Amino acid sequence: MYARRRHAYLLLMGGCVFLFVSAWAFVRLWSVPAAVAMCFVAMVIPPVAAMVANRRGPDDRWWDDPSGDPGSDAWWDELDGKKRPRQPDQ
């Protein structure tokens, strides 16, 4: 749910900040190429964190929530193929 995604996002972004800060505060003293590599890894983490944070879980309902208007909900259900259209009485 939302809390799990938020914790994963904060963990990934915390790791990103840790990599970037430690690369230029400590690692550069021993190896500049390693510090640059750590920054490249840190550069990839924010888009991945955004994808993790915005992923739709199996319990999440976003766009398929009912609107509350029965006519509108029936119309959208018919368009989505969830319900068969009503047949007129003959």
N, C-alpha and C. Protein backbone atom coordinates (compact mmCIF):
# COMPACT_ATOMS: atom_id res chain seq x y z
N MET A 1 0.83 -1.17 0.00
CA MET A 1 0.00 0.00 0.00
C MET A 1 0.88 1.24 0.00
N TYR A 2 0.27 2.36 0.34
CA TYR A 2 0.97 3.63 0.23
C TYR A 2 2.18 3.71 1.15
N ALA A 3 2.05 3.23 2.38
CA ALA A 3 3.15 3.33 3.34
C ALA A 3 4.35 2.51 2.88
N ARG A 4 4.11 1.35 2.32
CA ARG A 4 5.21 0.51 1.84
C ARG A 4 5.95 1.18 0.69
N ARG A 5 5.21 1.77 -0.23
CA ARG A 5 5.85 2.48 -1.34
C ARG A 5 6.62 3.69 -0.85
N ARG A 6 6.05 4.41 0.12
CA ARG A 6 6.72 5.58 0.66
C ARG A 6 8.02 5.20 1.36
N HIS A 7 8.00 4.10 2.12
CA HIS A 7 9.22 3.66 2.80
C HIS A 7 10.27 3.21 1.79
N ALA A 8 9.86 2.52 0.75
CA ALA A 8 10.81 2.10 -0.28
C ALA A 8 11.42 3.31 -0.98
N TYR A 9 10.58 4.32 -1.26
CA TYR A 9 11.08 5.55 -1.89
C TYR A 9 12.10 6.25 -1.00
N LEU A 10 11.77 6.40 0.28
CA LEU A 10 12.68 7.08 1.19
C LEU A 10 13.98 6.29 1.37
N LEU A 11 13.90 4.98 1.38
CA LEU A 11 15.10 4.16 1.48
C LEU A 11 15.98 4.33 0.24
N LEU A 12 15.38 4.30 -0.94
CA LEU A 12 16.15 4.47 -2.17
C LEU A 12 16.77 5.87 -2.24
N MET A 13 16.00 6.89 -1.90
CA MET A 13 16.55 8.25 -1.98
C MET A 13 17.59 8.49 -0.90
N GLY A 14 17.42 7.89 0.26
CA GLY A 14 18.45 7.98 1.30
C GLY A 14 19.74 7.32 0.85
N GLY A 15 19.62 6.18 0.18
CA GLY A 15 20.80 5.52 -0.39
C GLY A 15 21.47 6.37 -1.45
N CYS A 16 20.66 7.06 -2.24
CA CYS A 16 21.20 7.95 -3.27
C CYS A 16 22.01 9.08 -2.63
N VAL A 17 21.44 9.72 -1.64
CA VAL A 17 22.15 10.82 -0.95
C VAL A 17 23.41 10.30 -0.28
N PHE A 18 23.31 9.13 0.36
CA PHE A 18 24.48 8.54 1.02
C PHE A 18 25.59 8.27 0.01
N LEU A 19 25.25 7.69 -1.15
CA LEU A 19 26.27 7.42 -2.17
C LEU A 19 26.94 8.71 -2.64
N PHE A 20 26.13 9.71 -2.93
CA PHE A 20 26.68 10.95 -3.46
C PHE A 20 27.58 11.65 -2.44
N VAL A 21 27.10 11.76 -1.22
CA VAL A 21 27.89 12.47 -0.19
C VAL A 21 29.15 11.70 0.15
N SER A 22 29.04 10.39 0.33
CA SER A 22 30.23 9.62 0.69
C SER A 22 31.23 9.54 -0.45
N ALA A 23 30.72 9.59 -1.70
CA ALA A 23 31.64 9.55 -2.84
C ALA A 23 32.59 10.74 -2.81
N TRP A 24 32.06 11.92 -2.56
CA TRP A 24 32.91 13.11 -2.62
C TRP A 24 33.46 13.52 -1.28
N ALA A 25 33.00 12.94 -0.20
CA ALA A 25 33.56 13.28 1.11
C ALA A 25 34.69 12.33 1.50
N PHE A 26 34.56 11.04 1.16
CA PHE A 26 35.53 10.05 1.63
C PHE A 26 36.20 9.28 0.51
N VAL A 27 35.41 8.76 -0.41
CA VAL A 27 35.94 7.83 -1.41
C VAL A 27 36.91 8.53 -2.37
N ARG A 28 36.68 9.79 -2.68
CA ARG A 28 37.57 10.50 -3.61
C ARG A 28 39.00 10.59 -3.10
N LEU A 29 39.16 10.48 -1.78
CA LEU A 29 40.52 10.53 -1.22
C LEU A 29 41.33 9.30 -1.60
N TRP A 30 40.66 8.18 -1.83
CA TRP A 30 41.35 6.95 -2.20
C TRP A 30 41.27 6.67 -3.69
N SER A 31 40.10 6.96 -4.31
CA SER A 31 39.94 6.64 -5.73
C SER A 31 38.89 7.55 -6.36
N VAL A 32 39.35 8.42 -7.24
CA VAL A 32 38.42 9.31 -7.93
C VAL A 32 37.54 8.53 -8.91
N PRO A 33 38.06 7.55 -9.65
CA PRO A 33 37.16 6.78 -10.53
C PRO A 33 36.05 6.05 -9.75
N ALA A 34 36.36 5.55 -8.55
CA ALA A 34 35.33 4.91 -7.74
C ALA A 34 34.28 5.93 -7.31
N ALA A 35 34.70 7.13 -6.99
CA ALA A 35 33.76 8.18 -6.60
C ALA A 35 32.85 8.56 -7.77
N VAL A 36 33.44 8.64 -8.96
CA VAL A 36 32.64 8.95 -10.14
C VAL A 36 31.66 7.81 -10.42
N ALA A 37 32.08 6.58 -10.26
CA ALA A 37 31.18 5.44 -10.46
C ALA A 37 30.05 5.46 -9.45
N MET A 38 30.35 5.82 -8.21
CA MET A 38 29.30 5.92 -7.20
C MET A 38 28.30 7.01 -7.56
N CYS A 39 28.76 8.09 -8.13
CA CYS A 39 27.85 9.16 -8.56
C CYS A 39 26.97 8.71 -9.72
N PHE A 40 27.52 7.91 -10.63
CA PHE A 40 26.70 7.38 -11.72
C PHE A 40 25.62 6.44 -11.19
N VAL A 41 25.96 5.64 -10.21
CA VAL A 41 24.95 4.77 -9.59
C VAL A 41 23.90 5.63 -8.89
N ALA A 42 24.34 6.67 -8.19
CA ALA A 42 23.41 7.56 -7.50
C ALA A 42 22.52 8.30 -8.50
N MET A 43 23.01 8.53 -9.71
CA MET A 43 22.23 9.22 -10.73
C MET A 43 21.08 8.35 -11.24
N VAL A 44 21.24 7.05 -11.20
CA VAL A 44 20.21 6.13 -11.71
C VAL A 44 19.11 5.90 -10.67
N ILE A 45 19.39 6.08 -9.42
CA ILE A 45 18.45 5.72 -8.35
C ILE A 45 17.18 6.60 -8.34
N PRO A 46 17.22 7.93 -8.53
CA PRO A 46 15.97 8.71 -8.44
C PRO A 46 14.87 8.30 -9.43
N PRO A 47 15.17 8.02 -10.70
CA PRO A 47 14.07 7.55 -11.57
C PRO A 47 13.50 6.21 -11.11
N VAL A 48 14.36 5.32 -10.62
CA VAL A 48 13.88 4.03 -10.12
C VAL A 48 13.01 4.26 -8.88
N ALA A 49 13.41 5.16 -8.02
CA ALA A 49 12.63 5.47 -6.83
C ALA A 49 11.27 6.05 -7.21
N ALA A 50 11.23 6.89 -8.23
CA ALA A 50 9.94 7.44 -8.67
C ALA A 50 9.04 6.35 -9.22
N MET A 51 9.60 5.40 -9.96
CA MET A 51 8.79 4.29 -10.48
C MET A 51 8.26 3.42 -9.35
N VAL A 52 9.08 3.18 -8.34
CA VAL A 52 8.65 2.37 -7.19
C VAL A 52 7.55 3.10 -6.43
N ALA A 53 7.71 4.40 -6.25
CA ALA A 53 6.73 5.17 -5.47
C ALA A 53 5.40 5.31 -6.19
N ASN A 54 5.39 5.31 -7.51
CA ASN A 54 4.16 5.51 -8.27
C ASN A 54 3.56 4.23 -8.82
N ARG A 55 4.13 3.09 -8.45
CA ARG A 55 3.62 1.82 -8.94
C ARG A 55 2.23 1.57 -8.35
N ARG A 56 1.37 1.02 -9.16
CA ARG A 56 0.02 0.69 -8.70
C ARG A 56 0.03 -0.70 -8.10
N GLY A 57 -0.36 -0.80 -6.85
CA GLY A 57 -0.41 -2.08 -6.18
C GLY A 57 -1.71 -2.81 -6.47
N PRO A 58 -1.77 -4.09 -6.12
CA PRO A 58 -2.99 -4.85 -6.40
C PRO A 58 -4.20 -4.37 -5.60
N ASP A 59 -3.99 -3.74 -4.46
CA ASP A 59 -5.10 -3.24 -3.66
C ASP A 59 -5.46 -1.80 -3.98
N ASP A 60 -4.66 -1.12 -4.79
CA ASP A 60 -4.92 0.28 -5.10
C ASP A 60 -5.99 0.39 -6.18
N ARG A 61 -6.87 1.36 -6.00
CA ARG A 61 -7.88 1.65 -7.02
C ARG A 61 -7.76 3.13 -7.34
N TRP A 62 -7.35 3.43 -8.55
CA TRP A 62 -7.20 4.83 -8.93
C TRP A 62 -8.26 5.22 -9.93
N TRP A 63 -8.07 4.85 -11.17
CA TRP A 63 -8.94 5.32 -12.22
C TRP A 63 -10.22 4.50 -12.32
N ASP A 64 -10.29 3.34 -11.70
CA ASP A 64 -11.49 2.53 -11.83
C ASP A 64 -12.42 2.66 -10.63
N ASP A 65 -12.24 3.68 -9.82
CA ASP A 65 -13.16 3.92 -8.71
C ASP A 65 -14.50 4.38 -9.27
N PRO A 66 -15.59 3.93 -8.68
CA PRO A 66 -16.89 4.43 -9.13
C PRO A 66 -17.05 5.90 -8.76
N SER A 67 -17.73 6.63 -9.64
CA SER A 67 -17.88 8.07 -9.44
C SER A 67 -19.02 8.41 -8.49
N GLY A 68 -19.94 7.50 -8.31
CA GLY A 68 -21.10 7.77 -7.46
C GLY A 68 -22.36 8.05 -8.27
N ASP A 69 -22.20 8.35 -9.54
CA ASP A 69 -23.34 8.57 -10.42
C ASP A 69 -23.66 7.25 -11.10
N PRO A 70 -24.82 6.62 -10.81
CA PRO A 70 -25.09 5.31 -11.37
C PRO A 70 -25.14 5.29 -12.90
N GLY A 71 -25.67 6.36 -13.50
CA GLY A 71 -25.74 6.40 -14.96
C GLY A 71 -24.36 6.47 -15.58
N SER A 72 -23.52 7.31 -15.01
CA SER A 72 -22.16 7.45 -15.52
C SER A 72 -21.36 6.17 -15.31
N ASP A 73 -21.51 5.55 -14.12
CA ASP A 73 -20.78 4.31 -13.86
C ASP A 73 -21.23 3.20 -14.80
N ALA A 74 -22.53 3.12 -15.07
CA ALA A 74 -23.03 2.10 -16.00
C ALA A 74 -22.49 2.36 -17.41
N TRP A 75 -22.42 3.62 -17.82
CA TRP A 75 -21.92 3.95 -19.15
C TRP A 75 -20.45 3.57 -19.28
N TRP A 76 -19.62 3.90 -18.28
CA TRP A 76 -18.21 3.55 -18.33
C TRP A 76 -18.00 2.04 -18.26
N ASP A 77 -18.81 1.35 -17.44
CA ASP A 77 -18.71 -0.11 -17.38
C ASP A 77 -19.04 -0.73 -18.72
N GLU A 78 -20.04 -0.18 -19.41
CA GLU A 78 -20.39 -0.69 -20.74
C GLU A 78 -19.25 -0.46 -21.73
N LEU A 79 -18.62 0.71 -21.66
CA LEU A 79 -17.50 1.00 -22.56
C LEU A 79 -16.31 0.09 -22.27
N ASP A 80 -16.08 -0.21 -21.00
CA ASP A 80 -14.95 -1.06 -20.62
C ASP A 80 -15.24 -2.54 -20.84
N GLY A 81 -16.48 -2.87 -21.16
CA GLY A 81 -16.84 -4.26 -21.39
C GLY A 81 -17.10 -5.03 -20.11
N LYS A 82 -17.33 -4.34 -19.01
CA LYS A 82 -17.57 -5.02 -17.74
C LYS A 82 -19.01 -5.52 -17.65
N LYS A 83 -19.93 -4.81 -18.27
CA LYS A 83 -21.33 -5.21 -18.25
C LYS A 83 -21.87 -5.18 -19.67
N ARG A 84 -22.82 -6.04 -19.89
CA ARG A 84 -23.46 -6.06 -21.20
C ARG A 84 -24.49 -4.94 -21.28
N PRO A 85 -24.66 -4.35 -22.45
CA PRO A 85 -25.67 -3.28 -22.56
C PRO A 85 -27.07 -3.86 -22.34
N ARG A 86 -27.95 -3.03 -21.82
CA ARG A 86 -29.32 -3.47 -21.57
C ARG A 86 -30.05 -3.59 -22.91
N GLN A 87 -30.79 -4.66 -23.03
CA GLN A 87 -31.58 -4.87 -24.23
C GLN A 87 -32.97 -4.24 -24.02
N PRO A 88 -33.46 -3.50 -25.01
CA PRO A 88 -34.79 -2.91 -24.86
C PRO A 88 -35.85 -4.02 -24.85
N ASP A 89 -36.91 -3.79 -24.09
CA ASP A 89 -38.01 -4.77 -24.03
C ASP A 89 -38.71 -4.83 -25.38
N GLN A 90 -39.00 -6.04 -25.80
CA GLN A 90 -39.65 -6.20 -27.11
C GLN A 90 -41.03 -6.69 -26.97
